[in-house]
Full PDB file with SEQRES, HELIX, SHEET, SSBOND, CRYST1, ORIGX, SCALE, CONECT and MASTER records, all heavy atoms in Angstrom:
SEQRES   1 A   30  ALA GLN GLU GLY VAL TYR GLU ASN TYR ILE ARG LEU THR          
SEQRES   2 A   30  VAL ILE THR GLU ARG GLN GLU ARG SER VAL ALA GLY THR          
SEQRES   3 A   30  VAL PHE ALA ASP                                              
SHEET    1 AA1 2 ILE A  10  ILE A  15  0                                        
SHEET    2 AA1 2 GLU A  20  GLY A  25 -1                                        
CRYST1    1.000    1.000    1.000  90.00  90.00  90.00 P 1           1          
ORIGX1      1.000000  0.000000  0.000000        0.00000                         
ORIGX2      0.000000  1.000000  0.000000        0.00000                         
ORIGX3      0.000000  0.000000  1.000000        0.00000                         
SCALE1      1.000000  0.000000  0.000000        0.00000                         
SCALE2      0.000000  1.000000  0.000000        0.00000                         
SCALE3      0.000000  0.000000  1.000000        0.00000                         
ATOM      1  N   ALA A   1     129.596 103.653  94.606  1.00  0.00           N  
ATOM      2  CA  ALA A   1     130.912 103.396  95.184  1.00  0.00           C  
ATOM      3  C   ALA A   1     130.975 101.959  95.695  1.00  0.00           C  
ATOM      4  O   ALA A   1     129.952 101.296  95.872  1.00  0.00           O  
ATOM      5  CB  ALA A   1     131.190 104.375  96.316  1.00  0.00           C  
ATOM      6  N   GLN A   2     132.198 101.479  95.952  1.00  0.00           N  
ATOM      7  CA  GLN A   2     132.377 100.110  96.425  1.00  0.00           C  
ATOM      8  C   GLN A   2     131.660  99.891  97.751  1.00  0.00           C  
ATOM      9  O   GLN A   2     131.784 100.669  98.688  1.00  0.00           O  
ATOM     10  CB  GLN A   2     133.869  99.798  96.590  1.00  0.00           C  
ATOM     11  CG  GLN A   2     134.138  98.370  97.063  1.00  0.00           C  
ATOM     12  CD  GLN A   2     135.614  98.080  97.261  1.00  0.00           C  
ATOM     13  OE1 GLN A   2     136.459  98.883  96.853  1.00  0.00           O  
ATOM     14  NE2 GLN A   2     135.942  96.960  97.893  1.00  0.00           N  
ATOM     15  N   GLU A   3     130.888  98.808  97.811  1.00  0.00           N  
ATOM     16  CA  GLU A   3     130.174  98.458  99.030  1.00  0.00           C  
ATOM     17  C   GLU A   3     130.524  97.054  99.514  1.00  0.00           C  
ATOM     18  O   GLU A   3     130.508  96.776 100.703  1.00  0.00           O  
ATOM     19  CB  GLU A   3     128.653  98.543  98.791  1.00  0.00           C  
ATOM     20  CG  GLU A   3     128.163  99.958  98.483  1.00  0.00           C  
ATOM     21  CD  GLU A   3     126.670 100.011  98.202  1.00  0.00           C  
ATOM     22  OE1 GLU A   3     126.035  98.929  98.163  1.00  0.00           O  
ATOM     23  OE2 GLU A   3     126.131 101.117  98.008  1.00  0.00           O  
ATOM     24  N   GLY A   4     130.830  96.134  98.588  1.00  0.00           N  
ATOM     25  CA  GLY A   4     131.108  94.747  98.947  1.00  0.00           C  
ATOM     26  C   GLY A   4     132.588  94.440  98.962  1.00  0.00           C  
ATOM     27  O   GLY A   4     133.447  95.327  99.016  1.00  0.00           O  
ATOM     28  N   VAL A   5     132.910  93.155  98.853  1.00  0.00           N  
ATOM     29  CA  VAL A   5     134.298  92.712  98.962  1.00  0.00           C  
ATOM     30  C   VAL A   5     135.065  92.922  97.657  1.00  0.00           C  
ATOM     31  O   VAL A   5     136.301  92.925  97.660  1.00  0.00           O  
ATOM     32  CB  VAL A   5     134.361  91.216  99.362  1.00  0.00           C  
ATOM     33  CG1 VAL A   5     133.765  91.008 100.737  1.00  0.00           C  
ATOM     34  CG2 VAL A   5     133.650  90.338  98.330  1.00  0.00           C  
ATOM     35  N   TYR A   6     134.359  93.081  96.549  1.00  0.00           N  
ATOM     36  CA  TYR A   6     135.028  93.240  95.264  1.00  0.00           C  
ATOM     37  C   TYR A   6     135.291  94.721  94.978  1.00  0.00           C  
ATOM     38  O   TYR A   6     134.417  95.570  95.172  1.00  0.00           O  
ATOM     39  CB  TYR A   6     134.181  92.639  94.144  1.00  0.00           C  
ATOM     40  CG  TYR A   6     134.016  91.138  94.252  1.00  0.00           C  
ATOM     41  CD1 TYR A   6     132.848  90.591  94.788  1.00  0.00           C  
ATOM     42  CD2 TYR A   6     135.025  90.276  93.845  1.00  0.00           C  
ATOM     43  CE1 TYR A   6     132.691  89.215  94.905  1.00  0.00           C  
ATOM     44  CE2 TYR A   6     134.877  88.894  93.957  1.00  0.00           C  
ATOM     45  CZ  TYR A   6     133.715  88.371  94.486  1.00  0.00           C  
ATOM     46  OH  TYR A   6     133.560  87.010  94.606  1.00  0.00           O  
ATOM     47  N   GLU A   7     136.498  95.011  94.502  1.00  0.00           N  
ATOM     48  CA  GLU A   7     136.848  96.391  94.200  1.00  0.00           C  
ATOM     49  C   GLU A   7     136.019  96.929  93.035  1.00  0.00           C  
ATOM     50  O   GLU A   7     135.719  98.119  92.973  1.00  0.00           O  
ATOM     51  CB  GLU A   7     138.336  96.486  93.852  1.00  0.00           C  
ATOM     52  CG  GLU A   7     139.264  96.205  95.033  1.00  0.00           C  
ATOM     53  CD  GLU A   7     140.721  96.361  94.644  1.00  0.00           C  
ATOM     54  OE1 GLU A   7     140.992  96.741  93.480  1.00  0.00           O  
ATOM     55  OE2 GLU A   7     141.584  96.110  95.496  1.00  0.00           O  
ATOM     56  N   ASN A   8     135.687  96.059  92.102  1.00  0.00           N  
ATOM     57  CA  ASN A   8     134.865  96.425  90.943  1.00  0.00           C  
ATOM     58  C   ASN A   8     133.908  95.283  90.648  1.00  0.00           C  
ATOM     59  O   ASN A   8     134.283  94.122  90.788  1.00  0.00           O  
ATOM     60  CB  ASN A   8     135.733  96.625  89.692  1.00  0.00           C  
ATOM     61  CG  ASN A   8     136.712  97.751  89.829  1.00  0.00           C  
ATOM     62  OD1 ASN A   8     136.334  98.900  89.696  1.00  0.00           O  
ATOM     63  ND2 ASN A   8     137.992  97.432  90.086  1.00  0.00           N  
ATOM     64  N   TYR A   9     132.700  95.608  90.270  1.00  0.00           N  
ATOM     65  CA  TYR A   9     131.849  94.571  89.694  1.00  0.00           C  
ATOM     66  C   TYR A   9     130.753  95.202  88.851  1.00  0.00           C  
ATOM     67  O   TYR A   9     130.399  96.378  89.007  1.00  0.00           O  
ATOM     68  CB  TYR A   9     131.294  93.617  90.751  1.00  0.00           C  
ATOM     69  CG  TYR A   9     130.018  94.045  91.447  1.00  0.00           C  
ATOM     70  CD1 TYR A   9     128.783  93.890  90.821  1.00  0.00           C  
ATOM     71  CD2 TYR A   9     130.036  94.556  92.742  1.00  0.00           C  
ATOM     72  CE1 TYR A   9     127.603  94.255  91.453  1.00  0.00           C  
ATOM     73  CE2 TYR A   9     128.865  94.918  93.385  1.00  0.00           C  
ATOM     74  CZ  TYR A   9     127.654  94.771  92.731  1.00  0.00           C  
ATOM     75  OH  TYR A   9     126.494  95.142  93.360  1.00  0.00           O  
ATOM     76  N   ILE A  10     130.259  94.391  87.936  1.00  0.00           N  
ATOM     77  CA  ILE A  10     129.137  94.784  87.077  1.00  0.00           C  
ATOM     78  C   ILE A  10     128.037  93.753  87.259  1.00  0.00           C  
ATOM     79  O   ILE A  10     128.283  92.548  87.209  1.00  0.00           O  
ATOM     80  CB  ILE A  10     129.552  94.823  85.584  1.00  0.00           C  
ATOM     81  CG1 ILE A  10     130.713  95.791  85.357  1.00  0.00           C  
ATOM     82  CG2 ILE A  10     128.355  95.209  84.707  1.00  0.00           C  
ATOM     83  CD1 ILE A  10     131.272  95.746  83.943  1.00  0.00           C  
ATOM     84  N   ARG A  11     126.819  94.232  87.514  1.00  0.00           N  
ATOM     85  CA  ARG A  11     125.661  93.343  87.554  1.00  0.00           C  
ATOM     86  C   ARG A  11     124.724  93.727  86.413  1.00  0.00           C  
ATOM     87  O   ARG A  11     124.369  94.900  86.251  1.00  0.00           O  
ATOM     88  CB  ARG A  11     124.910  93.428  88.874  1.00  0.00           C  
ATOM     89  CG  ARG A  11     123.618  92.564  88.864  1.00  0.00           C  
ATOM     90  CD  ARG A  11     122.809  92.656  90.148  1.00  0.00           C  
ATOM     91  NE  ARG A  11     123.444  91.854  91.192  1.00  0.00           N  
ATOM     92  CZ  ARG A  11     123.985  92.343  92.292  1.00  0.00           C  
ATOM     93  NH1 ARG A  11     124.013  93.652  92.475  1.00  0.00           N  
ATOM     94  NH2 ARG A  11     124.528  91.554  93.194  1.00  0.00           N  
ATOM     95  N   LEU A  12     124.323  92.728  85.629  1.00  0.00           N  
ATOM     96  CA  LEU A  12     123.393  92.940  84.531  1.00  0.00           C  
ATOM     97  C   LEU A  12     122.091  92.210  84.839  1.00  0.00           C  
ATOM     98  O   LEU A  12     122.105  91.026  85.174  1.00  0.00           O  
ATOM     99  CB  LEU A  12     124.001  92.412  83.222  1.00  0.00           C  
ATOM    100  CG  LEU A  12     123.165  92.581  81.943  1.00  0.00           C  
ATOM    101  CD1 LEU A  12     124.083  92.777  80.743  1.00  0.00           C  
ATOM    102  CD2 LEU A  12     122.258  91.381  81.681  1.00  0.00           C  
ATOM    103  N   THR A  13     120.992  92.928  84.738  1.00  0.00           N  
ATOM    104  CA  THR A  13     119.669  92.343  84.972  1.00  0.00           C  
ATOM    105  C   THR A  13     118.818  92.504  83.719  1.00  0.00           C  
ATOM    106  O   THR A  13     118.668  93.614  83.205  1.00  0.00           O  
ATOM    107  CB  THR A  13     118.961  93.011  86.160  1.00  0.00           C  
ATOM    108  OG1 THR A  13     119.781  92.901  87.331  1.00  0.00           O  
ATOM    109  CG2 THR A  13     117.611  92.359  86.428  1.00  0.00           C  
ATOM    110  N   VAL A  14     118.315  91.386  83.215  1.00  0.00           N  
ATOM    111  CA  VAL A  14     117.411  91.398  82.068  1.00  0.00           C  
ATOM    112  C   VAL A  14     115.984  91.275  82.588  1.00  0.00           C  
ATOM    113  O   VAL A  14     115.665  90.359  83.350  1.00  0.00           O  
ATOM    114  CB  VAL A  14     117.724  90.243  81.100  1.00  0.00           C  
ATOM    115  CG1 VAL A  14     116.656  90.155  80.013  1.00  0.00           C  
ATOM    116  CG2 VAL A  14     119.095  90.444  80.472  1.00  0.00           C  
ATOM    117  N   ILE A  15     115.146  92.213  82.184  1.00  0.00           N  
ATOM    118  CA  ILE A  15     113.749  92.250  82.633  1.00  0.00           C  
ATOM    119  C   ILE A  15     112.863  91.839  81.465  1.00  0.00           C  
ATOM    120  O   ILE A  15     112.897  92.452  80.397  1.00  0.00           O  
ATOM    121  CB  ILE A  15     113.382  93.661  83.121  1.00  0.00           C  
ATOM    122  CG1 ILE A  15     114.348  94.114  84.230  1.00  0.00           C  
ATOM    123  CG2 ILE A  15     111.934  93.700  83.608  1.00  0.00           C  
ATOM    124  CD1 ILE A  15     114.361  95.597  84.455  1.00  0.00           C  
ATOM    125  N   THR A  16     112.103  90.769  81.653  1.00  0.00           N  
ATOM    126  CA  THR A  16     111.188  90.299  80.619  1.00  0.00           C  
ATOM    127  C   THR A  16     109.756  90.386  81.135  1.00  0.00           C  
ATOM    128  O   THR A  16     109.509  90.831  82.259  1.00  0.00           O  
ATOM    129  CB  THR A  16     111.507  88.843  80.220  1.00  0.00           C  
ATOM    130  OG1 THR A  16     111.151  87.968  81.306  1.00  0.00           O  
ATOM    131  CG2 THR A  16     112.982  88.676  79.902  1.00  0.00           C  
ATOM    132  N   GLU A  17     108.838  89.951  80.304  1.00  0.00           N  
ATOM    133  CA  GLU A  17     107.424  89.965  80.699  1.00  0.00           C  
ATOM    134  C   GLU A  17     107.166  88.985  81.842  1.00  0.00           C  
ATOM    135  O   GLU A  17     106.179  89.116  82.565  1.00  0.00           O  
ATOM    136  CB  GLU A  17     106.559  89.605  79.492  1.00  0.00           C  
ATOM    137  CG  GLU A  17     106.708  90.582  78.328  1.00  0.00           C  
ATOM    138  CD  GLU A  17     106.212  90.002  77.018  1.00  0.00           C  
ATOM    139  OE1 GLU A  17     105.492  88.987  77.048  1.00  0.00           O  
ATOM    140  OE2 GLU A  17     106.551  90.563  75.969  1.00  0.00           O  
ATOM    141  N   ARG A  18     108.043  87.988  82.009  1.00  0.00           N  
ATOM    142  CA  ARG A  18     107.812  86.935  82.992  1.00  0.00           C  
ATOM    143  C   ARG A  18     108.658  87.076  84.248  1.00  0.00           C  
ATOM    144  O   ARG A  18     108.242  86.660  85.324  1.00  0.00           O  
ATOM    145  CB  ARG A  18     108.094  85.569  82.364  1.00  0.00           C  
ATOM    146  CG  ARG A  18     107.210  85.250  81.161  1.00  0.00           C  
ATOM    147  CD  ARG A  18     107.614  83.902  80.561  1.00  0.00           C  
ATOM    148  NE  ARG A  18     106.863  83.613  79.340  1.00  0.00           N  
ATOM    149  CZ  ARG A  18     107.105  82.587  78.551  1.00  0.00           C  
ATOM    150  NH1 ARG A  18     108.082  81.733  78.846  1.00  0.00           N  
ATOM    151  NH2 ARG A  18     106.390  82.378  77.460  1.00  0.00           N  
ATOM    152  N   GLN A  19     109.878  87.631  84.130  1.00  0.00           N  
ATOM    153  CA  GLN A  19     110.789  87.589  85.269  1.00  0.00           C  
ATOM    154  C   GLN A  19     111.925  88.578  85.106  1.00  0.00           C  
ATOM    155  O   GLN A  19     112.077  89.220  84.068  1.00  0.00           O  
ATOM    156  CB  GLN A  19     111.381  86.179  85.404  1.00  0.00           C  
ATOM    157  CG  GLN A  19     112.242  85.779  84.206  1.00  0.00           C  
ATOM    158  CD  GLN A  19     112.865  84.410  84.356  1.00  0.00           C  
ATOM    159  OE1 GLN A  19     112.835  83.809  85.408  1.00  0.00           O  
ATOM    160  NE2 GLN A  19     113.453  83.893  83.285  1.00  0.00           N  
ATOM    161  N   GLU A  20     112.743  88.683  86.164  1.00  0.00           N  
ATOM    162  CA  GLU A  20     114.012  89.381  86.122  1.00  0.00           C  
ATOM    163  C   GLU A  20     115.116  88.350  86.348  1.00  0.00           C  
ATOM    164  O   GLU A  20     115.017  87.518  87.234  1.00  0.00           O  
ATOM    165  CB  GLU A  20     114.092  90.469  87.196  1.00  0.00           C  
ATOM    166  CG  GLU A  20     113.166  91.637  86.963  1.00  0.00           C  
ATOM    167  CD  GLU A  20     113.471  92.812  87.895  1.00  0.00           C  
ATOM    168  OE1 GLU A  20     114.522  92.769  88.584  1.00  0.00           O  
ATOM    169  OE2 GLU A  20     112.672  93.757  87.927  1.00  0.00           O  
ATOM    170  N   ARG A  21     116.157  88.413  85.522  1.00  0.00           N  
ATOM    171  CA  ARG A  21     117.271  87.481  85.658  1.00  0.00           C  
ATOM    172  C   ARG A  21     118.557  88.303  85.718  1.00  0.00           C  
ATOM    173  O   ARG A  21     118.810  89.136  84.842  1.00  0.00           O  
ATOM    174  CB  ARG A  21     117.322  86.525  84.468  1.00  0.00           C  
ATOM    175  CG  ARG A  21     118.399  85.425  84.598  1.00  0.00           C  
ATOM    176  CD  ARG A  21     118.672  84.764  83.252  1.00  0.00           C  
ATOM    177  NE  ARG A  21     117.484  84.194  82.647  1.00  0.00           N  
ATOM    178  CZ  ARG A  21     117.046  82.964  82.875  1.00  0.00           C  
ATOM    179  NH1 ARG A  21     117.698  82.173  83.700  1.00  0.00           N  
ATOM    180  NH2 ARG A  21     115.959  82.521  82.274  1.00  0.00           N  
ATOM    181  N   SER A  22     119.373  88.084  86.761  1.00  0.00           N  
ATOM    182  CA  SER A  22     120.585  88.881  86.923  1.00  0.00           C  
ATOM    183  C   SER A  22     121.824  87.990  86.931  1.00  0.00           C  
ATOM    184  O   SER A  22     121.780  86.826  87.346  1.00  0.00           O  
ATOM    185  CB  SER A  22     120.533  89.701  88.212  1.00  0.00           C  
ATOM    186  OG  SER A  22     120.558  88.853  89.343  1.00  0.00           O  
ATOM    187  N   VAL A  23     122.933  88.563  86.478  1.00  0.00           N  
ATOM    188  CA  VAL A  23     124.232  87.911  86.523  1.00  0.00           C  
ATOM    189  C   VAL A  23     125.268  88.996  86.782  1.00  0.00           C  
ATOM    190  O   VAL A  23     125.173  90.102  86.252  1.00  0.00           O  
ATOM    191  CB  VAL A  23     124.524  87.146  85.209  1.00  0.00           C  
ATOM    192  CG1 VAL A  23     124.451  88.063  84.002  1.00  0.00           C  
ATOM    193  CG2 VAL A  23     125.875  86.457  85.279  1.00  0.00           C  
ATOM    194  N   ALA A  24     126.226  88.705  87.652  1.00  0.00           N  
ATOM    195  CA  ALA A  24     127.239  89.691  88.022  1.00  0.00           C  
ATOM    196  C   ALA A  24     128.623  89.111  87.809  1.00  0.00           C  
ATOM    197  O   ALA A  24     128.836  87.888  87.870  1.00  0.00           O  
ATOM    198  CB  ALA A  24     127.061  90.113  89.481  1.00  0.00           C  
ATOM    199  N   GLY A  25     129.577  90.009  87.555  1.00  0.00           N  
ATOM    200  CA  GLY A  25     130.937  89.563  87.339  1.00  0.00           C  
ATOM    201  C   GLY A  25     131.939  90.639  87.682  1.00  0.00           C  
ATOM    202  O   GLY A  25     131.593  91.798  87.928  1.00  0.00           O  
ATOM    203  N   THR A  26     133.193  90.245  87.697  1.00  0.00           N  
ATOM    204  CA  THR A  26     134.273  91.188  87.984  1.00  0.00           C  
ATOM    205  C   THR A  26     135.484  90.795  87.159  1.00  0.00           C  
ATOM    206  O   THR A  26     135.497  89.767  86.469  1.00  0.00           O  
ATOM    207  CB  THR A  26     134.616  91.188  89.482  1.00  0.00           C  
ATOM    208  OG1 THR A  26     135.523  92.257  89.755  1.00  0.00           O  
ATOM    209  CG2 THR A  26     135.253  89.874  89.920  1.00  0.00           C  
ATOM    210  N   VAL A  27     136.520  91.634  87.218  1.00  0.00           N  
ATOM    211  CA  VAL A  27     137.798  91.353  86.568  1.00  0.00           C  
ATOM    212  C   VAL A  27     138.857  91.288  87.657  1.00  0.00           C  
ATOM    213  O   VAL A  27     139.049  92.234  88.421  1.00  0.00           O  
ATOM    214  CB  VAL A  27     138.160  92.450  85.537  1.00  0.00           C  
ATOM    215  CG1 VAL A  27     139.551  92.189  84.959  1.00  0.00           C  
ATOM    216  CG2 VAL A  27     137.122  92.492  84.423  1.00  0.00           C  
ATOM    217  N   PHE A  28     139.559  90.151  87.729  1.00  0.00           N  
ATOM    218  CA  PHE A  28     140.607  89.981  88.727  1.00  0.00           C  
ATOM    219  C   PHE A  28     141.925  90.561  88.215  1.00  0.00           C  
ATOM    220  O   PHE A  28     142.003  91.092  87.108  1.00  0.00           O  
ATOM    221  CB  PHE A  28     140.775  88.498  89.060  1.00  0.00           C  
ATOM    222  CG  PHE A  28     139.679  87.944  89.940  1.00  0.00           C  
ATOM    223  CD1 PHE A  28     139.615  86.593  90.220  1.00  0.00           C  
ATOM    224  CD2 PHE A  28     138.711  88.775  90.483  1.00  0.00           C  
ATOM    225  CE1 PHE A  28     138.614  86.072  91.031  1.00  0.00           C  
ATOM    226  CE2 PHE A  28     137.701  88.273  91.286  1.00  0.00           C  
ATOM    227  CZ  PHE A  28     137.651  86.917  91.556  1.00  0.00           C  
ATOM    228  N   ALA A  29     142.964  90.471  89.028  1.00  0.00           N  
ATOM    229  CA  ALA A  29     144.257  91.067  88.705  1.00  0.00           C  
ATOM    230  C   ALA A  29     144.863  90.487  87.428  1.00  0.00           C  
ATOM    231  O   ALA A  29     145.653  91.146  86.751  1.00  0.00           O  
ATOM    232  CB  ALA A  29     145.227  90.877  89.874  1.00  0.00           C  
ATOM    233  N   ASP A  30     144.468  89.252  87.085  1.00  0.00           N  
ATOM    234  CA  ASP A  30     145.012  88.638  85.872  1.00  0.00           C  
ATOM    235  C   ASP A  30     144.338  89.137  84.601  1.00  0.00           C  
ATOM    236  O   ASP A  30     144.692  88.729  83.490  1.00  0.00           O  
ATOM    237  CB  ASP A  30     144.901  87.113  85.943  1.00  0.00           C  
ATOM    238  CG  ASP A  30     143.454  86.630  86.067  1.00  0.00           C  
ATOM    239  OD1 ASP A  30     142.532  87.463  86.030  1.00  0.00           O  
ATOM    240  OD2 ASP A  30     143.256  85.405  86.213  1.00  0.00           O  
TER     241      ASP A  30                                                      
MASTER        0    0    0    0    2    0    0    6  240    1    0    3          
END                                                                             
């Protein structure tokens, strides 16, 4: 459920042999 300031968001984390790298985004009203 919503916890932060954004009504919706998706966070994607790629896990490799060396590290984890994450990027998050949302869709605004437009």
